[in-house]
PDB file of N, CA and C in Angstrom:
ATOM      1  N   MET A   1       0.853  -1.177   0.000  1.00  0.00           N
ATOM      2  CA  MET A   1       0.000   0.000   0.000  1.00  0.00           C
ATOM      3  C   MET A   1       0.896   1.237   0.000  1.00  0.00           C
ATOM      4  N   GLU A   2       0.601   2.139  -0.892  1.00  0.00           N
ATOM      5  CA  GLU A   2       1.413   3.331  -1.028  1.00  0.00           C
ATOM      6  C   GLU A   2       1.046   4.377   0.029  1.00  0.00           C
ATOM      7  N   VAL A   3       2.042   5.155   0.420  1.00  0.00           N
ATOM      8  CA  VAL A   3       1.852   6.198   1.426  1.00  0.00           C
ATOM      9  C   VAL A   3       0.753   7.162   1.000  1.00  0.00           C
ATOM     10  N   VAL A   4       0.781   7.618  -0.230  1.00  0.00           N
ATOM     11  CA  VAL A   4      -0.198   8.586  -0.712  1.00  0.00           C
ATOM     12  C   VAL A   4      -1.610   8.005  -0.647  1.00  0.00           C
ATOM     13  N   LYS A   5      -1.764   6.725  -0.992  1.00  0.00           N
ATOM     14  CA  LYS A   5      -3.082   6.095  -0.950  1.00  0.00           C
ATOM     15  C   LYS A   5      -3.621   6.049   0.480  1.00  0.00           C
ATOM     16  N   ILE A   6      -2.759   5.760   1.428  1.00  0.00           N
ATOM     17  CA  ILE A   6      -3.190   5.717   2.824  1.00  0.00           C
ATOM     18  C   ILE A   6      -3.691   7.087   3.248  1.00  0.00           C
ATOM     19  N   TYR A   7      -2.916   8.114   2.961  1.00  0.00           N
ATOM     20  CA  TYR A   7      -3.308   9.447   3.405  1.00  0.00           C
ATOM     21  C   TYR A   7      -4.498   9.994   2.632  1.00  0.00           C
ATOM     22  N   LYS A   8      -4.668   9.608   1.382  1.00  0.00           N
ATOM     23  CA  LYS A   8      -5.871   9.999   0.650  1.00  0.00           C
ATOM     24  C   LYS A   8      -7.100   9.393   1.314  1.00  0.00           C
ATOM     25  N   CYS A   9      -6.965   8.172   1.774  1.00  0.00           N
ATOM     26  CA  CYS A   9      -8.069   7.507   2.448  1.00  0.00           C
ATOM     27  C   CYS A   9      -8.397   8.185   3.778  1.00  0.00           C
ATOM     28  N   LEU A  10      -7.374   8.634   4.458  1.00  0.00           N
ATOM     29  CA  LEU A  10      -7.556   9.199   5.792  1.00  0.00           C
ATOM     30  C   LEU A  10      -7.931  10.682   5.787  1.00  0.00           C
ATOM     31  N   CYS A  11      -7.955  11.306   4.620  1.00  0.00           N
ATOM     32  CA  CYS A  11      -8.211  12.749   4.595  1.00  0.00           C
ATOM     33  C   CYS A  11      -9.685  13.090   4.393  1.00  0.00           C
ATOM     34  N   ASP A  12     -10.560  12.128   4.554  1.00  0.00           N
ATOM     35  CA  ASP A  12     -11.987  12.358   4.400  1.00  0.00           C
ATOM     36  C   ASP A  12     -12.683  12.022   5.718  1.00  0.00           C
ATOM     37  N   GLU A  13     -13.486  12.937   6.220  1.00  0.00           N
ATOM     38  CA  GLU A  13     -14.126  12.729   7.520  1.00  0.00           C
ATOM     39  C   GLU A  13     -15.038  11.507   7.530  1.00  0.00           C
ATOM     40  N   GLN A  14     -15.801  11.316   6.472  1.00  0.00           N
ATOM     41  CA  GLN A  14     -16.700  10.168   6.460  1.00  0.00           C
ATOM     42  C   GLN A  14     -15.924   8.849   6.461  1.00  0.00           C
ATOM     43  N   ARG A  15     -14.820   8.785   5.736  1.00  0.00           N
ATOM     44  CA  ARG A  15     -14.008   7.560   5.753  1.00  0.00           C
ATOM     45  C   ARG A  15     -13.397   7.344   7.136  1.00  0.00           C
ATOM     46  N   LEU A  16     -12.971   8.416   7.794  1.00  0.00           N
ATOM     47  CA  LEU A  16     -12.452   8.279   9.160  1.00  0.00           C
ATOM     48  C   LEU A  16     -13.524   7.757  10.102  1.00  0.00           C
ATOM     49  N   ARG A  17     -14.725   8.243   9.945  1.00  0.00           N
ATOM     50  CA  ARG A  17     -15.821   7.780  10.794  1.00  0.00           C
ATOM     51  C   ARG A  17     -16.105   6.301  10.550  1.00  0.00           C
ATOM     52  N   ILE A  18     -16.048   5.874   9.294  1.00  0.00           N
ATOM     53  CA  ILE A  18     -16.260   4.457   8.972  1.00  0.00           C
ATOM     54  C   ILE A  18     -15.146   3.613   9.583  1.00  0.00           C
ATOM     55  N   LEU A  19     -13.915   4.040   9.429  1.00  0.00           N
ATOM     56  CA  LEU A  19     -12.792   3.304  10.020  1.00  0.00           C
ATOM     57  C   LEU A  19     -12.938   3.220  11.535  1.00  0.00           C
ATOM     58  N   ASN A  20     -13.365   4.302  12.152  1.00  0.00           N
ATOM     59  CA  ASN A  20     -13.586   4.319  13.594  1.00  0.00           C
ATOM     60  C   ASN A  20     -14.617   3.261  13.985  1.00  0.00           C
ATOM     61  N   LEU A  21     -15.698   3.161  13.229  1.00  0.00           N
ATOM     62  CA  LEU A  21     -16.726   2.153  13.510  1.00  0.00           C
ATOM     63  C   LEU A  21     -16.198   0.739  13.330  1.00  0.00           C
ATOM     64  N   LEU A  22     -15.428   0.531  12.280  1.00  0.00           N
ATOM     65  CA  LEU A  22     -14.937  -0.816  11.979  1.00  0.00           C
ATOM     66  C   LEU A  22     -13.834  -1.262  12.928  1.00  0.00           C
ATOM     67  N   GLN A  23     -13.218  -0.330  13.621  1.00  0.00           N
ATOM     68  CA  GLN A  23     -12.218  -0.736  14.616  1.00  0.00           C
ATOM     69  C   GLN A  23     -12.873  -1.496  15.775  1.00  0.00           C
ATOM     70  N   GLU A  24     -14.168  -1.283  15.960  1.00  0.00           N
ATOM     71  CA  GLU A  24     -14.904  -2.006  17.000  1.00  0.00           C
ATOM     72  C   GLU A  24     -15.328  -3.396  16.538  1.00  0.00           C
ATOM     73  N   GLY A  25     -15.199  -3.653  15.246  1.00  0.00           N
ATOM     74  CA  GLY A  25     -15.573  -4.949  14.703  1.00  0.00           C
ATOM     75  C   GLY A  25     -16.326  -4.792  13.400  1.00  0.00           C
ATOM     76  N   PRO A  26     -16.586  -5.907  12.719  1.00  0.00           N
ATOM     77  CA  PRO A  26     -17.269  -5.877  11.428  1.00  0.00           C
ATOM     78  C   PRO A  26     -18.681  -5.328  11.554  1.00  0.00           C
ATOM     79  N   LEU A  27     -19.162  -4.746  10.453  1.00  0.00           N
ATOM     80  CA  LEU A  27     -20.526  -4.221  10.406  1.00  0.00           C
ATOM     81  C   LEU A  27     -21.113  -4.415   9.022  1.00  0.00           C
ATOM     82  N   CYS A  28     -22.396  -4.585   8.976  1.00  0.00           N
ATOM     83  CA  CYS A  28     -23.123  -4.602   7.719  1.00  0.00           C
ATOM     84  C   CYS A  28     -23.205  -3.168   7.202  1.00  0.00           C
ATOM     85  N   VAL A  29     -23.169  -3.021   5.904  1.00  0.00           N
ATOM     86  CA  VAL A  29     -23.241  -1.691   5.297  1.00  0.00           C
ATOM     87  C   VAL A  29     -24.513  -0.962   5.729  1.00  0.00           C
ATOM     88  N   CYS A  30     -25.611  -1.677   5.912  1.00  0.00           N
ATOM     89  CA  CYS A  30     -26.861  -1.034   6.321  1.00  0.00           C
ATOM     90  C   CYS A  30     -26.731  -0.399   7.707  1.00  0.00           C
ATOM     91  N   HIS A  31     -25.933  -0.987   8.567  1.00  0.00           N
ATOM     92  CA  HIS A  31     -25.751  -0.420   9.904  1.00  0.00           C
ATOM     93  C   HIS A  31     -24.800   0.768   9.879  1.00  0.00           C
ATOM     94  N   ILE A  32     -23.809   0.723   9.004  1.00  0.00           N
ATOM     95  CA  ILE A  32     -22.936   1.890   8.838  1.00  0.00           C
ATOM     96  C   ILE A  32     -23.774   3.067   8.358  1.00  0.00           C
ATOM     97  N   MET A  33     -24.673   2.810   7.408  1.00  0.00           N
ATOM     98  CA  MET A  33     -25.553   3.858   6.905  1.00  0.00           C
ATOM     99  C   MET A  33     -26.392   4.452   8.032  1.00  0.00           C
ATOM    100  N   GLU A  34     -26.943   3.596   8.865  1.00  0.00           N
ATOM    101  CA  GLU A  34     -27.796   4.067   9.953  1.00  0.00           C
ATOM    102  C   GLU A  34     -27.008   4.898  10.963  1.00  0.00           C
ATOM    103  N   VAL A  35     -25.857   4.409  11.354  1.00  0.00           N
ATOM    104  CA  VAL A  35     -25.055   5.138  12.354  1.00  0.00           C
ATOM    105  C   VAL A  35     -24.630   6.503  11.821  1.00  0.00           C
ATOM    106  N   LEU A  36     -24.191   6.546  10.571  1.00  0.00           N
ATOM    107  CA  LEU A  36     -23.691   7.798  10.004  1.00  0.00           C
ATOM    108  C   LEU A  36     -24.798   8.660   9.401  1.00  0.00           C
ATOM    109  N   ASP A  37     -26.027   8.146   9.406  1.00  0.00           N
ATOM    110  CA  ASP A  37     -27.166   8.865   8.861  1.00  0.00           C
ATOM    111  C   ASP A  37     -26.865   9.340   7.435  1.00  0.00           C
ATOM    112  N   ALA A  38     -26.439   8.399   6.610  1.00  0.00           N
ATOM    113  CA  ALA A  38     -26.077   8.704   5.225  1.00  0.00           C
ATOM    114  C   ALA A  38     -26.734   7.680   4.311  1.00  0.00           C
ATOM    115  N   ASP A  39     -26.936   8.064   3.068  1.00  0.00           N
ATOM    116  CA  ASP A  39     -27.592   7.146   2.143  1.00  0.00           C
ATOM    117  C   ASP A  39     -26.630   6.078   1.630  1.00  0.00           C
ATOM    118  N   GLN A  40     -27.219   5.045   1.053  1.00  0.00           N
ATOM    119  CA  GLN A  40     -26.466   3.879   0.616  1.00  0.00           C
ATOM    120  C   GLN A  40     -25.426   4.221  -0.438  1.00  0.00           C
ATOM    121  N   VAL A  41     -25.759   5.105  -1.355  1.00  0.00           N
ATOM    122  CA  VAL A  41     -24.819   5.456  -2.430  1.00  0.00           C
ATOM    123  C   VAL A  41     -23.549   6.074  -1.853  1.00  0.00           C
ATOM    124  N   LYS A  42     -23.697   7.014  -0.931  1.00  0.00           N
ATOM    125  CA  LYS A  42     -22.526   7.686  -0.343  1.00  0.00           C
ATOM    126  C   LYS A  42     -21.656   6.709   0.445  1.00  0.00           C
ATOM    127  N   ILE A  43     -22.287   5.886   1.261  1.00  0.00           N
ATOM    128  CA  ILE A  43     -21.521   4.937   2.073  1.00  0.00           C
ATOM    129  C   ILE A  43     -20.852   3.899   1.182  1.00  0.00           C
ATOM    130  N   SER A  44     -21.573   3.368   0.214  1.00  0.00           N
ATOM    131  CA  SER A  44     -20.997   2.363  -0.675  1.00  0.00           C
ATOM    132  C   SER A  44     -19.824   2.926  -1.468  1.00  0.00           C
ATOM    133  N   LYS A  45     -19.935   4.173  -1.891  1.00  0.00           N
ATOM    134  CA  LYS A  45     -18.831   4.812  -2.614  1.00  0.00           C
ATOM    135  C   LYS A  45     -17.584   4.885  -1.741  1.00  0.00           C
ATOM    136  N   GLN A  46     -17.747   5.279  -0.490  1.00  0.00           N
ATOM    137  CA  GLN A  46     -16.604   5.377   0.429  1.00  0.00           C
ATOM    138  C   GLN A  46     -16.023   3.992   0.715  1.00  0.00           C
ATOM    139  N   LEU A  47     -16.890   3.022   0.941  1.00  0.00           N
ATOM    140  CA  LEU A  47     -16.422   1.665   1.227  1.00  0.00           C
ATOM    141  C   LEU A  47     -15.698   1.068   0.023  1.00  0.00           C
ATOM    142  N   ARG A  48     -16.224   1.303  -1.167  1.00  0.00           N
ATOM    143  CA  ARG A  48     -15.568   0.805  -2.378  1.00  0.00           C
ATOM    144  C   ARG A  48     -14.173   1.423  -2.521  1.00  0.00           C
ATOM    145  N   TYR A  49     -14.070   2.716  -2.272  1.00  0.00           N
ATOM    146  CA  TYR A  49     -12.777   3.402  -2.354  1.00  0.00           C
ATOM    147  C   TYR A  49     -11.793   2.808  -1.336  1.00  0.00           C
ATOM    148  N   MET A  50     -12.249   2.619  -0.103  1.00  0.00           N
ATOM    149  CA  MET A  50     -11.366   2.063   0.923  1.00  0.00           C
ATOM    150  C   MET A  50     -10.989   0.617   0.608  1.00  0.00           C
ATOM    151  N   LYS A  51     -11.894  -0.121  -0.004  1.00  0.00           N
ATOM    152  CA  LYS A  51     -11.585  -1.495  -0.401  1.00  0.00           C
ATOM    153  C   LYS A  51     -10.515  -1.499  -1.492  1.00  0.00           C
ATOM    154  N   GLU A  52     -10.652  -0.609  -2.473  1.00  0.00           N
ATOM    155  CA  GLU A  52      -9.660  -0.507  -3.544  1.00  0.00           C
ATOM    156  C   GLU A  52      -8.278  -0.148  -3.002  1.00  0.00           C
ATOM    157  N   GLN A  53      -8.240   0.606  -1.911  1.00  0.00           N
ATOM    158  CA  GLN A  53      -6.967   1.012  -1.312  1.00  0.00           C
ATOM    159  C   GLN A  53      -6.438  -0.046  -0.343  1.00  0.00           C
ATOM    160  N   GLY A  54      -7.204  -1.110  -0.113  1.00  0.00           N
ATOM    161  CA  GLY A  54      -6.749  -2.186   0.758  1.00  0.00           C
ATOM    162  C   GLY A  54      -6.977  -1.937   2.236  1.00  0.00           C
ATOM    163  N   MET A  55      -7.850  -0.988   2.574  1.00  0.00           N
ATOM    164  CA  MET A  55      -8.086  -0.672   3.980  1.00  0.00           C
ATOM    165  C   MET A  55      -9.216  -1.486   4.593  1.00  0.00           C
ATOM    166  N   VAL A  56     -10.185  -1.894   3.779  1.00  0.00           N
ATOM    167  CA  VAL A  56     -11.292  -2.712   4.266  1.00  0.00           C
ATOM    168  C   VAL A  56     -11.485  -3.910   3.357  1.00  0.00           C
ATOM    169  N   GLU A  57     -12.158  -4.898   3.901  1.00  0.00           N
ATOM    170  CA  GLU A  57     -12.533  -6.095   3.152  1.00  0.00           C
ATOM    171  C   GLU A  57     -14.037  -6.270   3.325  1.00  0.00           C
ATOM    172  N   CYS A  58     -14.655  -6.956   2.388  1.00  0.00           N
ATOM    173  CA  CYS A  58     -16.080  -7.226   2.536  1.00  0.00           C
ATOM    174  C   CYS A  58     -16.384  -8.662   2.139  1.00  0.00           C
ATOM    175  N   GLU A  59     -17.510  -9.113   2.667  1.00  0.00           N
ATOM    176  CA  GLU A  59     -17.946 -10.478   2.404  1.00  0.00           C
ATOM    177  C   GLU A  59     -19.463 -10.515   2.503  1.00  0.00           C
ATOM    178  N   ARG A  60     -20.091 -11.158   1.537  1.00  0.00           N
ATOM    179  CA  ARG A  60     -21.548 -11.311   1.600  1.00  0.00           C
ATOM    180  C   ARG A  60     -21.853 -12.520   2.470  1.00  0.00           C
ATOM    181  N   LYS A  61     -22.729 -12.306   3.441  1.00  0.00           N
ATOM    182  CA  LYS A  61     -23.220 -13.396   4.284  1.00  0.00           C
ATOM    183  C   LYS A  61     -24.731 -13.268   4.351  1.00  0.00           C
ATOM    184  N   ALA A  62     -25.395 -14.244   3.767  1.00  0.00           N
ATOM    185  CA  ALA A  62     -26.854 -14.210   3.636  1.00  0.00           C
ATOM    186  C   ALA A  62     -27.238 -12.903   2.936  1.00  0.00           C
ATOM    187  N   GLN A  63     -28.113 -12.114   3.540  1.00  0.00           N
ATOM    188  CA  GLN A  63     -28.537 -10.875   2.904  1.00  0.00           C
ATOM    189  C   GLN A  63     -27.657  -9.683   3.285  1.00  0.00           C
ATOM    190  N   TRP A  64     -26.629  -9.905   4.084  1.00  0.00           N
ATOM    191  CA  TRP A  64     -25.798  -8.815   4.565  1.00  0.00           C
ATOM    192  C   TRP A  64     -24.473  -8.721   3.812  1.00  0.00           C
ATOM    193  N   MET A  65     -24.036  -7.508   3.566  1.00  0.00           N
ATOM    194  CA  MET A  65     -22.699  -7.248   3.041  1.00  0.00           C
ATOM    195  C   MET A  65     -21.901  -6.741   4.238  1.00  0.00           C
ATOM    196  N   ILE A  66     -20.982  -7.569   4.715  1.00  0.00           N
ATOM    197  CA  ILE A  66     -20.245  -7.286   5.949  1.00  0.00           C
ATOM    198  C   ILE A  66     -18.887  -6.688   5.605  1.00  0.00           C
ATOM    199  N   TYR A  67     -18.578  -5.555   6.242  1.00  0.00           N
ATOM    200  CA  TYR A  67     -17.280  -4.894   6.049  1.00  0.00           C
ATOM    201  C   TYR A  67     -16.485  -4.992   7.330  1.00  0.00           C
ATOM    202  N   ARG A  68     -15.174  -5.135   7.148  1.00  0.00           N
ATOM    203  CA  ARG A  68     -14.244  -5.179   8.288  1.00  0.00           C
ATOM    204  C   ARG A  68     -12.944  -4.534   7.860  1.00  0.00           C
ATOM    205  N   LEU A  69     -12.141  -4.163   8.834  1.00  0.00           N
ATOM    206  CA  LEU A  69     -10.813  -3.648   8.517  1.00  0.00           C
ATOM    207  C   LEU A  69     -10.004  -4.765   7.883  1.00  0.00           C
ATOM    208  N   ALA A  70      -9.224  -4.410   6.891  1.00  0.00           N
ATOM    209  CA  ALA A  70      -8.372  -5.394   6.235  1.00  0.00           C
ATOM    210  C   ALA A  70      -7.249  -5.796   7.179  1.00  0.00           C
ATOM    211  N   ASP A  71      -6.800  -7.017   7.052  1.00  0.00           N
ATOM    212  CA  ASP A  71      -5.630  -7.462   7.809  1.00  0.00           C
ATOM    213  C   ASP A  71      -4.409  -6.856   7.138  1.00  0.00           C
ATOM    214  N   ALA A  72      -4.040  -5.711   7.610  1.00  0.00           N
ATOM    215  CA  ALA A  72      -2.937  -4.986   6.978  1.00  0.00           C
ATOM    216  C   ALA A  72      -1.641  -5.238   7.734  1.00  0.00           C
ATOM    217  N   ASP A  73      -0.588  -5.355   6.988  1.00  0.00           N
ATOM    218  CA  ASP A  73       0.724  -5.497   7.613  1.00  0.00           C
ATOM    219  C   ASP A  73       1.586  -4.271   7.327  1.00  0.00           C
ATOM    220  N   ASN A  74       0.965  -3.230   6.797  1.00  0.00           N
ATOM    221  CA  ASN A  74       1.680  -2.003   6.500  1.00  0.00           C
ATOM    222  C   ASN A  74       1.829  -1.189   7.783  1.00  0.00           C
ATOM    223  N   PRO A  75       3.062  -0.958   8.247  1.00  0.00           N
ATOM    224  CA  PRO A  75       3.264  -0.231   9.504  1.00  0.00           C
ATOM    225  C   PRO A  75       2.657   1.170   9.491  1.00  0.00           C
ATOM    226  N   LEU A  76       2.717   1.858   8.359  1.00  0.00           N
ATOM    227  CA  LEU A  76       2.150   3.205   8.282  1.00  0.00           C
ATOM    228  C   LEU A  76       0.637   3.173   8.483  1.00  0.00           C
ATOM    229  N   LEU A  77      -0.026   2.226   7.850  1.00  0.00           N
ATOM    230  CA  LEU A  77      -1.463   2.092   8.022  1.00  0.00           C
ATOM    231  C   LEU A  77      -1.795   1.731   9.461  1.00  0.00           C
ATOM    232  N   LEU A  78      -1.091   0.765  10.019  1.00  0.00           N
ATOM    233  CA  LEU A  78      -1.356   0.354  11.394  1.00  0.00           C
ATOM    234  C   LEU A  78      -1.138   1.503  12.375  1.00  0.00           C
ATOM    235  N   ASP A  79      -0.086   2.282  12.181  1.00  0.00           N
ATOM    236  CA  ASP A  79       0.183   3.432  13.051  1.00  0.00           C
ATOM    237  C   ASP A  79      -0.934   4.470  12.950  1.00  0.00           C
ATOM    238  N   ASN A  80      -1.407   4.711  11.736  1.00  0.00           N
ATOM    239  CA  ASN A  80      -2.469   5.697  11.560  1.00  0.00           C
ATOM    240  C   ASN A  80      -3.795   5.220  12.135  1.00  0.00           C
ATOM    241  N   LEU A  81      -4.089   3.939  12.015  1.00  0.00           N
ATOM    242  CA  LEU A  81      -5.302   3.408  12.627  1.00  0.00           C
ATOM    243  C   LEU A  81      -5.216   3.482  14.150  1.00  0.00           C
ATOM    244  N   LYS A  82      -4.038   3.227  14.694  1.00  0.00           N
ATOM    245  CA  LYS A  82      -3.851   3.349  16.138  1.00  0.00           C
ATOM    246  C   LYS A  82      -4.035   4.805  16.574  1.00  0.00           C
ATOM    247  N   CYS A  83      -3.504   5.721  15.790  1.00  0.00           N
ATOM    248  CA  CYS A  83      -3.667   7.141  16.082  1.00  0.00           C
ATOM    249  C   CYS A  83      -5.148   7.523  16.046  1.00  0.00           C
ATOM    250  N   LEU A  84      -5.870   7.013  15.063  1.00  0.00           N
ATOM    251  CA  LEU A  84      -7.303   7.272  14.981  1.00  0.00           C
ATOM    252  C   LEU A  84      -8.004   6.757  16.226  1.00  0.00           C
ATOM    253  N   GLN A  85      -7.649   5.556  16.640  1.00  0.00           N
ATOM    254  CA  GLN A  85      -8.258   4.972  17.830  1.00  0.00           C
ATOM    255  C   GLN A  85      -7.920   5.785  19.077  1.00  0.00           C
ATOM    256  N   ASP A  86      -6.672   6.218  19.187  1.00  0.00           N
ATOM    257  CA  ASP A  86      -6.255   7.017  20.342  1.00  0.00           C
ATOM    258  C   ASP A  86      -6.964   8.367  20.390  1.00  0.00           C
ATOM    259  N   SER A  87      -7.231   8.949  19.228  1.00  0.00           N
ATOM    260  CA  SER A  87      -7.850  10.272  19.197  1.00  0.00           C
ATOM    261  C   SER A  87      -9.365  10.210  19.175  1.00  0.00           C
ATOM    262  N   ALA A  88      -9.940   9.030  19.041  1.00  0.00           N
ATOM    263  CA  ALA A  88     -11.398   8.904  18.970  1.00  0.00           C
ATOM    264  C   ALA A  88     -12.067   9.480  20.215  1.00  0.00           C
ATOM    265  N   GLY A  89     -11.442   9.336  21.359  1.00  0.00           N
ATOM    266  CA  GLY A  89     -12.012   9.867  22.592  1.00  0.00           C
ATOM    267  C   GLY A  89     -12.024  11.382  22.640  1.00  0.00           C
ATOM    268  N   GLU A  90     -11.204  12.014  21.802  1.00  0.00           N
ATOM    269  CA  GLU A  90     -11.141  13.471  21.777  1.00  0.00           C
ATOM    270  C   GLU A  90     -12.167  14.082  20.830  1.00  0.00           C
ATOM    271  N   SER A  91     -12.767  13.269  19.989  1.00  0.00           N
ATOM    272  CA  SER A  91     -13.746  13.766  19.020  1.00  0.00           C
ATOM    273  C   SER A  91     -15.137  13.336  19.461  1.00  0.00           C
ATOM    274  N   LEU A  92     -15.969  14.314  19.758  1.00  0.00           N
ATOM    275  CA  LEU A  92     -17.332  14.013  20.180  1.00  0.00           C
ATOM    276  C   LEU A  92     -18.080  13.237  19.098  1.00  0.00           C
ATOM    277  N   ARG A  93     -17.833  13.577  17.850  1.00  0.00           N
ATOM    278  CA  ARG A  93     -18.509  12.885  16.749  1.00  0.00           C
ATOM    279  C   ARG A  93     -18.153  11.399  16.754  1.00  0.00           C
ATOM    280  N   PHE A  94     -16.872  11.072  16.959  1.00  0.00           N
ATOM    281  CA  PHE A  94     -16.468   9.660  17.004  1.00  0.00           C
ATOM    282  C   PHE A  94     -17.123   8.952  18.185  1.00  0.00           C
ATOM    283  N   GLU A  95     -17.188   9.612  19.324  1.00  0.00           N
ATOM    284  CA  GLU A  95     -17.834   9.019  20.503  1.00  0.00           C
ATOM    285  C   GLU A  95     -19.308   8.762  20.251  1.00  0.00           C
ATOM    286  N   VAL A  96     -19.986   9.741  19.650  1.00  0.00           N
ATOM    287  CA  VAL A  96     -21.403   9.595  19.333  1.00  0.00           C
ATOM    288  C   VAL A  96     -21.605   8.449  18.352  1.00  0.00           C
ATOM    289  N   ASP A  97     -20.751   8.375  17.342  1.00  0.00           N
ATOM    290  CA  ASP A  97     -20.840   7.282  16.369  1.00  0.00           C
ATOM    291  C   ASP A  97     -20.710   5.922  17.053  1.00  0.00           C
ATOM    292  N   LEU A  98     -19.756   5.798  17.965  1.00  0.00           N
ATOM    293  CA  LEU A  98     -19.550   4.512  18.642  1.00  0.00           C
ATOM    294  C   LEU A  98     -20.733   4.169  19.538  1.00  0.00           C
ATOM    295  N   ALA A  99     -21.316   5.165  20.188  1.00  0.00           N
ATOM    296  CA  ALA A  99     -22.500   4.919  21.018  1.00  0.00           C
ATOM    297  C   ALA A  99     -23.680   4.469  20.144  1.00  0.00           C
ATOM    298  N   LYS A 100     -23.875   5.137  19.007  1.00  0.00           N
ATOM    299  CA  LYS A 100     -24.937   4.738  18.078  1.00  0.00           C
ATOM    300  C   LYS A 100     -24.678   3.341  17.534  1.00  0.00           C
ATOM    301  N   ARG A 101     -23.410   3.039  17.263  1.00  0.00           N
ATOM    302  CA  ARG A 101     -23.048   1.712  16.759  1.00  0.00           C
ATOM    303  C   ARG A 101     -23.476   0.644  17.759  1.00  0.00           C
ATOM    304  N   ALA A 102     -23.164   0.871  19.020  1.00  0.00           N
ATOM    305  CA  ALA A 102     -23.518  -0.096  20.066  1.00  0.00           C
ATOM    306  C   ALA A 102     -25.034  -0.287  20.134  1.00  0.00           C
ATOM    307  N   GLU A 103     -25.790   0.795  20.032  1.00  0.00           N
ATOM    308  CA  GLU A 103     -27.251   0.706  20.070  1.00  0.00           C
ATOM    309  C   GLU A 103     -27.788  -0.074  18.872  1.00  0.00           C
ATOM    310  N   VAL A 104     -27.265   0.221  17.693  1.00  0.00           N
ATOM    311  CA  VAL A 104     -27.728  -0.443  16.471  1.00  0.00           C
ATOM    312  C   VAL A 104     -27.439  -1.937  16.531  1.00  0.00           C
ATOM    313  N   VAL A 105     -26.228  -2.302  16.914  1.00  0.00           N
ATOM    314  CA  VAL A 105     -25.861  -3.725  16.982  1.00  0.00           C
ATOM    315  C   VAL A 105     -26.702  -4.437  18.033  1.00  0.00           C
ATOM    316  N   LYS A 106     -26.889  -3.807  19.187  1.00  0.00           N
ATOM    317  CA  LYS A 106     -27.695  -4.430  20.249  1.00  0.00           C
ATOM    318  C   LYS A 106     -29.127  -4.658  19.778  1.00  0.00           C
ATOM    319  N   ARG A 107     -29.721  -3.620  19.195  1.00  0.00           N
ATOM    320  CA  ARG A 107     -31.090  -3.730  18.711  1.00  0.00           C
ATOM    321  C   ARG A 107     -31.203  -4.813  17.635  1.00  0.00           C
ATOM    322  N   PHE A 108     -30.251  -4.854  16.744  1.00  0.00           N
ATOM    323  CA  PHE A 108     -30.323  -5.825  15.662  1.00  0.00           C
ATOM    324  C   PHE A 108     -30.115  -7.240  16.189  1.00  0.00           C
ATOM    325  N   CYS A 109     -29.256  -7.406  17.161  1.00  0.00           N
ATOM    326  CA  CYS A 109     -29.034  -8.738  17.743  1.00  0.00           C
ATOM    327  C   CYS A 109     -30.293  -9.244  18.437  1.00  0.00           C
ATOM    328  N   GLU A 110     -31.050  -8.319  19.013  1.00  0.00           N
ATOM    329  CA  GLU A 110     -32.295  -8.710  19.680  1.00  0.00           C
ATOM    330  C   GLU A 110     -33.344  -9.174  18.679  1.00  0.00           C
ATOM    331  N   THR A 111     -33.356  -8.565  17.493  1.00  0.00           N
ATOM    332  CA  THR A 111     -34.368  -8.922  16.498  1.00  0.00           C
ATOM    333  C   THR A 111     -33.893 -10.006  15.528  1.00  0.00           C
ATOM    334  N   SER A 112     -32.589 -10.151  15.376  1.00  0.00           N
ATOM    335  CA  SER A 112     -32.008 -11.169  14.473  1.00  0.00           C
ATOM    336  C   SER A 112     -30.869 -11.871  15.218  1.00  0.00           C
ATOM    337  N   PRO A 113     -31.190 -12.858  16.032  1.00  0.00           N
ATOM    338  CA  PRO A 113     -30.163 -13.514  16.860  1.00  0.00           C
ATOM    339  C   PRO A 113     -28.976 -14.078  16.097  1.00  0.00           C
ATOM    340  N   ASP A 114     -29.166 -14.442  14.835  1.00  0.00           N
ATOM    341  CA  ASP A 114     -28.060 -15.025  14.065  1.00  0.00           C
ATOM    342  C   ASP A 114     -27.137 -13.964  13.466  1.00  0.00           C
ATOM    343  N   TYR A 115     -27.411 -12.694  13.697  1.00  0.00           N
ATOM    344  CA  TYR A 115     -26.592 -11.621  13.124  1.00  0.00           C
ATOM    345  C   TYR A 115     -25.142 -11.726  13.574  1.00  0.00           C
ATOM    346  N   MET A 116     -24.900 -11.940  14.850  1.00  0.00           N
ATOM    347  CA  MET A 116     -23.518 -12.009  15.354  1.00  0.00           C
ATOM    348  C   MET A 116     -22.772 -13.173  14.707  1.00  0.00           C
ATOM    349  N   ASP A 117     -23.463 -14.268  14.421  1.00  0.00           N
ATOM    350  CA  ASP A 117     -22.816 -15.379  13.717  1.00  0.00           C
ATOM    351  C   ASP A 117     -22.409 -14.956  12.311  1.00  0.00           C
ATOM    352  N   GLN A 118     -23.231 -14.131  11.706  1.00  0.00           N
ATOM    353  CA  GLN A 118     -22.964 -13.696  10.336  1.00  0.00           C
ATOM    354  C   GLN A 118     -21.765 -12.748  10.248  1.00  0.00           C
ATOM    355  N   ILE A 119     -21.597 -11.868  11.230  1.00  0.00           N
ATOM    356  CA  ILE A 119     -20.517 -10.890  11.130  1.00  0.00           C
ATOM    357  C   ILE A 119     -19.216 -11.389  11.748  1.00  0.00           C
ATOM    358  N   SER A 120     -19.251 -12.502  12.417  1.00  0.00           N
ATOM    359  CA  SER A 120     -18.037 -13.028  13.034  1.00  0.00           C
ATOM    360  C   SER A 120     -17.100 -13.608  12.013  1.00  0.00           C
TER     361      SER A 120
END
């Protein structure tokens, strides 16, 4: 992964918010949309871009398209993701996103018990 590609990925607030969510674990694209209050086209465009850059991976499981952070061995990427995680507590938006993420996953697990099996 090239240095410029990593920083291009990290220079967009919505992509940072998605990465912040995925650091907590895999998510279905529909839940990313709900947490970020954004439409499917915008989220899918960002996810596709991050996938092309090698930052995320996706897998279809049943009716869900599950995204997760890619298993990266690039030290620059890993350092930047760690920095994002360390600074998440300083950004109210990141904190709010993580709280919404927890609510969405909890609610969905209550209505679809097999969801956690699908995203694992």
